[in-house]
């Protein structure tokens, strides 16, 4: 009788495990489903504010000059998404600007945009960034389970909310909806890859210190240093099991047709060169990768070299936008 009870328990356990695996397979298969392009709901926009000051960027004090506007919109999941928009100070009346969406890093908030936006705004771009799920006013409760589920959900929400931000930008009379670009930084480059793969309204993208393949990313020195010794060999497994559909390697080939520039550090201990090479190899054409002698930007002591990366990214963005700037006022290049 005991044997039959044990067999019954084992059968029930296998049934539960099998059901969970089937459920997870289906959830992973449709991980990014649910978005459809439409203007966001319940948009609240504050009046623009002039900023003329200085800002500390990667240890360097630089001029800050732009107009900023704060807004919120409702995402697919009925959450309020706070957005920061910066605009050139010297903007012609009736002008329609190209816009760059910044997807910030995992430990940043939308305000990071204010550290880097001035050169882009002065070059004629609008810039926008939003607080991702788990950051800013959207932080989640502490706890292993709640943070694990939030980590998984953050990939999907970041992609969908970037798309919804594009929907919003298309409604603005001061934004040229044919000239939407993207910059992704670190985690933002990881999720930004998927955005570019799924969203063809983006004309070009710069991925700053981005990488792919979760098993490689989990081996990074700074990732391993943050984990207990027994967890280190299992980090890649758990990361893939929990959020495998978010690995940009799975989506990178679909960026084909959209120009992508990768800017990576040869000394990066968070997104290692191996992870950067893995993502670059998986990207569709056209693509380019440039290497700089830096650690991860928030760990790098030579801030001037990090700023050089950003300047190179801006120069490249201007090259992508050049056909519109060179076209006569009465005509424009094909979208």
Protein backbone atom coordinates (compact mmCIF):
# COMPACT_ATOMS: atom_id res chain seq x y z
CA UNK A 1 0.00 0.00 0.00
CA UNK A 2 2.84 2.38 0.86
CA UNK A 3 4.37 1.61 -2.51
CA UNK A 4 1.15 2.56 -4.28
CA UNK A 5 0.93 5.82 -2.31
CA UNK A 6 4.51 6.72 -3.25
CA UNK A 7 3.86 5.89 -6.89
CA UNK A 8 0.73 8.01 -6.82
CA UNK A 9 2.63 10.91 -5.26
CA UNK A 10 5.39 10.64 -7.88
CA UNK A 11 2.81 10.54 -10.68
CA UNK A 12 1.05 13.60 -9.27
CA UNK A 13 4.36 15.44 -8.93
CA UNK A 14 5.32 14.62 -12.53
CA UNK A 15 1.89 15.76 -13.69
CA UNK A 16 2.27 19.10 -11.92
CA UNK A 17 5.81 19.60 -13.22
CA UNK A 18 4.76 18.66 -16.74
CA UNK A 19 1.82 21.05 -16.63
CA UNK A 20 4.08 23.87 -15.44
CA UNK A 21 6.58 23.17 -18.21
CA UNK A 22 3.83 23.21 -20.83
CA UNK A 23 2.47 26.46 -19.40
CA UNK A 24 5.93 28.04 -19.39
CA UNK A 25 6.57 26.90 -22.97
CA UNK A 26 3.36 28.56 -24.13
CA UNK A 27 4.08 31.70 -22.08
CA UNK A 28 7.59 31.93 -23.55
CA UNK A 29 6.27 31.36 -27.06
CA UNK A 30 3.91 34.34 -26.78
CA UNK A 31 6.12 36.40 -24.46
CA UNK A 32 5.96 39.62 -26.48
CA UNK A 33 2.35 39.24 -27.67
CA UNK A 34 -0.27 41.77 -26.69
CA UNK A 35 0.96 45.03 -28.19
CA UNK A 36 -0.90 46.82 -30.99
CA UNK A 37 -0.06 50.31 -32.25
CA UNK A 38 -2.51 52.94 -31.03
CA UNK A 39 -2.25 56.32 -29.30
CA UNK A 40 -1.64 55.91 -25.57
CA UNK A 41 -4.50 56.59 -23.19
CA UNK A 42 -4.80 59.24 -20.48
CA UNK A 43 -1.74 61.26 -21.45
CA UNK A 44 -0.86 64.07 -19.04
CA UNK A 45 1.72 66.59 -20.30
CA UNK A 46 3.31 69.31 -18.17
CA UNK A 47 4.49 72.63 -19.66
CA UNK A 48 8.13 72.69 -20.86
CA UNK A 49 10.81 74.11 -18.57
CA UNK A 50 14.05 75.76 -19.70
CA UNK A 51 17.26 74.28 -18.31
CA UNK A 52 20.49 76.28 -18.56
CA UNK A 53 23.06 74.98 -16.11
CA UNK A 54 25.82 72.38 -15.84
CA UNK A 55 25.66 68.64 -15.31
CA UNK A 56 28.14 66.06 -14.07
CA UNK A 57 28.44 63.34 -16.69
CA UNK A 58 30.75 60.39 -15.99
CA UNK A 59 32.83 62.58 -13.69
CA UNK A 60 33.07 65.46 -16.17
CA UNK A 61 31.25 68.77 -15.64
CA UNK A 62 29.54 69.78 -18.90
CA UNK A 63 27.08 72.49 -19.96
CA UNK A 64 23.38 71.62 -19.83
CA UNK A 65 21.04 73.53 -22.13
CA UNK A 66 17.65 72.22 -23.24
CA UNK A 67 13.92 72.45 -22.66
CA UNK A 68 12.43 69.56 -20.70
CA UNK A 69 8.89 68.31 -20.50
CA UNK A 70 7.50 65.68 -18.14
CA UNK A 71 4.54 63.54 -19.12
CA UNK A 72 2.83 60.29 -18.24
CA UNK A 73 0.79 57.85 -20.28
CA UNK A 74 -1.03 54.59 -19.64
CA UNK A 75 0.73 51.41 -20.79
CA UNK A 76 -0.79 48.19 -22.08
CA UNK A 77 -1.10 46.94 -18.51
CA UNK A 78 -2.89 50.11 -17.34
CA UNK A 79 0.20 51.33 -15.48
CA UNK A 80 1.22 54.96 -15.46
CA UNK A 81 4.53 55.37 -17.32
CA UNK A 82 6.51 58.56 -16.48
CA UNK A 83 8.42 60.04 -19.41
CA UNK A 84 11.03 62.78 -19.68
CA UNK A 85 11.26 64.61 -23.01
CA UNK A 86 14.04 67.08 -23.84
CA UNK A 87 13.98 69.51 -26.75
CA UNK A 88 16.39 72.01 -28.32
CA UNK A 89 16.29 75.51 -26.87
CA UNK A 90 16.74 77.15 -30.27
CA UNK A 91 13.90 75.49 -32.10
CA UNK A 92 12.23 77.08 -35.12
CA UNK A 93 8.51 77.61 -34.88
CA UNK A 94 6.67 74.86 -36.73
CA UNK A 95 9.76 72.63 -36.96
CA UNK A 96 9.35 68.86 -36.87
CA UNK A 97 12.29 67.26 -35.10
CA UNK A 98 13.85 63.83 -35.32
CA UNK A 99 13.53 62.04 -31.97
CA UNK A 100 15.82 59.65 -30.13
CA UNK A 101 14.37 57.29 -27.54
CA UNK A 102 16.84 56.42 -24.78
CA UNK A 103 16.30 53.08 -23.04
CA UNK A 104 18.27 53.49 -19.83
CA UNK A 105 20.33 50.92 -17.94
CA UNK A 106 19.08 48.49 -15.31
CA UNK A 107 19.95 50.69 -12.30
CA UNK A 108 19.13 54.06 -13.86
CA UNK A 109 16.01 56.20 -14.09
CA UNK A 110 14.71 58.45 -16.84
CA UNK A 111 16.61 61.38 -15.31
CA UNK A 112 19.84 59.90 -16.66
CA UNK A 113 18.71 61.44 -19.94
CA UNK A 114 19.54 64.90 -18.54
CA UNK A 115 23.19 63.90 -18.11
CA UNK A 116 23.69 63.25 -21.82
CA UNK A 117 20.95 65.04 -23.77
CA UNK A 118 22.47 68.49 -24.36
CA UNK A 119 24.77 67.61 -27.31
CA UNK A 120 21.92 65.67 -28.96
CA UNK A 121 19.42 68.49 -28.40
CA UNK A 122 21.86 71.07 -29.73
CA UNK A 123 22.33 68.88 -32.81
CA UNK A 124 18.59 69.19 -33.46
CA UNK A 125 17.22 65.99 -31.91
CA UNK A 126 14.42 65.64 -29.39
CA UNK A 127 15.12 62.94 -26.80
CA UNK A 128 12.78 60.88 -24.64
CA UNK A 129 13.23 58.33 -21.88
CA UNK A 130 10.81 56.62 -19.49
CA UNK A 131 11.13 54.98 -16.09
CA UNK A 132 11.22 51.26 -16.74
CA UNK A 133 9.32 48.81 -14.58
CA UNK A 134 11.23 48.32 -11.27
CA UNK A 135 12.75 51.83 -11.43
CA UNK A 136 11.73 55.28 -10.23
CA UNK A 137 8.12 55.41 -9.08
CA UNK A 138 7.59 51.91 -10.49
CA UNK A 139 9.69 49.96 -8.00
CA UNK A 140 8.29 46.63 -6.79
CA UNK A 141 8.11 45.09 -3.34
CA UNK A 142 11.22 43.45 -1.93
CA UNK A 143 11.36 39.66 -2.02
CA UNK A 144 12.90 36.87 -4.06
CA UNK A 145 9.66 35.82 -5.76
CA UNK A 146 8.32 39.32 -6.46
CA UNK A 147 11.67 40.48 -7.82
CA UNK A 148 12.10 37.33 -9.90
CA UNK A 149 8.68 37.75 -11.53
CA UNK A 150 9.32 41.47 -12.00
CA UNK A 151 12.69 40.75 -13.64
CA UNK A 152 10.93 38.54 -16.18
CA UNK A 153 8.10 41.01 -16.77
CA UNK A 154 10.49 43.94 -17.17
CA UNK A 155 11.74 42.68 -20.53
CA UNK A 156 8.23 42.57 -22.00
CA UNK A 157 7.11 45.84 -20.44
CA UNK A 158 10.21 47.71 -21.61
CA UNK A 159 9.69 46.59 -25.20
CA UNK A 160 5.95 47.33 -25.25
CA UNK A 161 6.32 50.68 -23.49
CA UNK A 162 9.02 51.78 -25.93
CA UNK A 163 6.58 51.01 -28.73
CA UNK A 164 3.82 52.91 -26.92
CA UNK A 165 6.19 55.87 -26.53
CA UNK A 166 6.63 55.84 -30.32
CA UNK A 167 2.83 55.88 -30.61
CA UNK A 168 2.82 59.00 -28.44
CA UNK A 169 5.61 60.74 -30.37
CA UNK A 170 3.62 60.20 -33.57
CA UNK A 171 0.83 62.37 -32.13
CA UNK A 172 3.10 65.39 -31.57
CA UNK A 173 3.20 68.14 -34.18
CA UNK A 174 6.82 68.97 -33.27
CA UNK A 175 8.13 65.43 -33.94
CA UNK A 176 8.81 63.97 -37.40
CA UNK A 177 7.44 60.45 -37.00
CA UNK A 178 9.54 59.20 -39.94
CA UNK A 179 12.72 59.99 -38.00
CA UNK A 180 12.53 57.96 -34.80
CA UNK A 181 15.87 56.63 -33.54
CA UNK A 182 16.93 54.62 -30.52
CA UNK A 183 19.83 54.52 -28.08
CA UNK A 184 19.99 51.62 -25.64
CA UNK A 185 22.46 51.66 -22.75
CA UNK A 186 23.53 48.35 -21.12
CA UNK A 187 20.23 46.68 -20.16
CA UNK A 188 18.65 49.19 -22.50
CA UNK A 189 20.85 47.85 -25.31
CA UNK A 190 19.76 44.31 -24.48
CA UNK A 191 16.06 45.15 -24.57
CA UNK A 192 16.64 47.72 -27.30
CA UNK A 193 17.78 44.94 -29.63
CA UNK A 194 14.38 43.31 -29.28
CA UNK A 195 12.63 46.64 -29.81
CA UNK A 196 14.51 47.18 -33.08
CA UNK A 197 13.72 43.61 -34.14
CA UNK A 198 9.98 44.08 -33.56
CA UNK A 199 9.52 47.77 -34.32
CA UNK A 200 10.23 48.89 -37.86
CA UNK A 201 9.32 52.52 -37.19
CA UNK A 202 12.82 52.88 -35.73
CA UNK A 203 15.15 54.10 -38.48
CA UNK A 204 18.47 53.34 -36.75
CA UNK A 205 19.76 52.32 -33.33
CA UNK A 206 22.95 52.72 -31.30
CA UNK A 207 23.50 50.00 -28.68
CA UNK A 208 25.93 51.17 -25.99
CA UNK A 209 27.72 48.39 -24.03
CA UNK A 210 25.16 45.83 -25.11
CA UNK A 211 25.56 42.08 -25.24
CA UNK A 212 23.69 38.83 -25.67
CA UNK A 213 23.49 35.19 -24.62
CA UNK A 214 22.38 35.04 -20.98
CA UNK A 215 24.76 32.19 -20.17
CA UNK A 216 27.70 34.36 -21.28
CA UNK A 217 26.34 37.46 -19.56
CA UNK A 218 25.98 35.51 -16.31
CA UNK A 219 29.71 34.73 -16.35
CA UNK A 220 30.74 38.40 -16.26
CA UNK A 221 33.12 39.16 -13.36
CA UNK A 222 30.86 41.76 -11.74
CA UNK A 223 27.84 39.46 -12.00
CA UNK A 224 29.73 36.62 -10.35
CA UNK A 225 31.07 38.94 -7.63
CA UNK A 226 27.51 39.87 -6.69
CA UNK A 227 26.45 36.24 -6.14
CA UNK A 228 27.14 33.70 -3.41
CA UNK A 229 29.71 31.09 -4.45
CA UNK A 230 27.20 28.24 -4.77
CA UNK A 231 25.00 30.37 -7.08
CA UNK A 232 27.70 31.30 -9.58
CA UNK A 233 27.63 28.08 -11.65
CA UNK A 234 23.81 28.21 -11.77
CA UNK A 235 23.38 31.89 -12.66
CA UNK A 236 23.19 31.34 -16.42
CA UNK A 237 20.71 28.48 -16.02
CA UNK A 238 18.38 30.46 -13.76
CA UNK A 239 18.61 33.60 -15.90
CA UNK A 240 17.72 31.63 -19.02
CA UNK A 241 14.96 29.66 -17.28
CA UNK A 242 13.40 32.78 -15.80
CA UNK A 243 13.64 35.21 -18.71
CA UNK A 244 14.92 33.25 -21.71
CA UNK A 245 12.56 34.97 -24.18
CA UNK A 246 14.24 38.26 -23.29
CA UNK A 247 17.67 37.14 -24.51
CA UNK A 248 18.39 39.48 -27.45
CA UNK A 249 20.18 36.65 -29.27
CA UNK A 250 16.73 35.18 -29.97
CA UNK A 251 15.57 38.32 -31.78
CA UNK A 252 18.71 39.94 -33.16
CA UNK A 253 18.44 38.54 -36.70
CA UNK A 254 15.13 40.39 -37.14
CA UNK A 255 16.94 43.75 -36.92
CA UNK A 256 17.87 43.20 -40.57
CA UNK A 257 17.17 46.32 -42.60
CA UNK A 258 17.63 48.71 -39.68
CA UNK A 259 21.17 50.12 -39.26
CA UNK A 260 22.64 49.23 -35.86
CA UNK A 261 25.83 50.58 -34.29
CA UNK A 262 27.30 48.83 -31.25
CA UNK A 263 29.67 50.75 -28.95
CA UNK A 264 31.43 48.39 -26.53
CA UNK A 265 34.25 48.38 -24.00
CA UNK A 266 37.24 46.08 -24.28
CA UNK A 267 37.62 46.13 -20.47
CA UNK A 268 33.93 45.74 -19.63
CA UNK A 269 33.41 43.52 -16.57
CA UNK A 270 29.59 43.70 -16.70
CA UNK A 271 28.88 43.13 -20.40
CA UNK A 272 32.06 41.35 -21.44
CA UNK A 273 33.54 41.61 -24.94
CA UNK A 274 32.48 37.97 -25.45
CA UNK A 275 28.85 38.90 -24.82
CA UNK A 276 29.19 41.92 -27.12
CA UNK A 277 30.63 39.78 -29.91
CA UNK A 278 27.82 37.23 -29.45
CA UNK A 279 25.16 39.89 -29.94
CA UNK A 280 26.96 41.50 -32.87
CA UNK A 281 27.27 38.14 -34.64
CA UNK A 282 23.52 37.54 -34.26
CA UNK A 283 22.41 40.98 -35.52
CA UNK A 284 21.04 41.40 -39.01
CA UNK A 285 22.71 43.70 -41.53
CA UNK A 286 23.58 46.56 -41.74
CA UNK A 287 25.61 46.64 -38.55
CA UNK A 288 28.87 47.97 -37.13
CA UNK A 289 30.73 47.53 -33.85
CA UNK A 290 33.33 49.90 -32.37
CA UNK A 291 35.54 49.15 -29.38
CA UNK A 292 36.78 51.53 -26.68
CA UNK A 293 39.33 50.90 -23.90
CA UNK A 294 36.76 51.22 -21.09
CA UNK A 295 35.04 49.24 -18.36
CA UNK A 296 31.26 49.45 -17.99
CA UNK A 297 30.49 53.21 -18.09
CA UNK A 298 29.28 53.47 -14.48
CA UNK A 299 32.52 51.77 -13.36
CA UNK A 300 34.94 53.53 -15.70
CA UNK A 301 37.28 56.12 -14.15
CA UNK A 302 38.18 57.71 -17.49
CA UNK A 303 34.95 59.59 -18.10
CA UNK A 304 36.34 61.38 -21.13
CA UNK A 305 36.60 58.08 -22.99
CA UNK A 306 32.97 57.25 -22.20
CA UNK A 307 31.93 60.69 -23.41
CA UNK A 308 33.89 60.01 -26.60
CA UNK A 309 31.70 56.94 -27.13
CA UNK A 310 28.61 59.11 -26.84
CA UNK A 311 30.04 61.72 -29.21
CA UNK A 312 30.74 58.99 -31.75
CA UNK A 313 27.17 57.75 -31.30
CA UNK A 314 25.82 61.26 -31.94
CA UNK A 315 27.98 61.66 -35.06
CA UNK A 316 26.65 58.34 -36.36
CA UNK A 317 23.05 59.37 -35.63
CA UNK A 318 23.61 62.57 -37.61
CA UNK A 319 24.84 60.46 -40.52
CA UNK A 320 21.64 58.39 -40.39
CA UNK A 321 19.50 61.52 -40.29
CA UNK A 322 21.51 63.39 -42.95
CA UNK A 323 19.26 62.49 -45.93
CA UNK A 324 16.37 64.34 -44.27
CA UNK A 325 18.49 67.35 -43.41
CA UNK A 326 19.89 67.57 -46.93
CA UNK A 327 16.57 67.15 -48.72
CA UNK A 328 14.86 70.30 -50.07
CA UNK A 329 12.06 71.64 -47.91
CA UNK A 330 9.38 70.61 -50.44
CA UNK A 331 10.56 67.01 -50.64
CA UNK A 332 11.87 64.29 -48.37
CA UNK A 333 13.56 60.93 -48.77
CA UNK A 334 11.47 57.81 -49.00
CA UNK A 335 10.58 56.34 -45.59
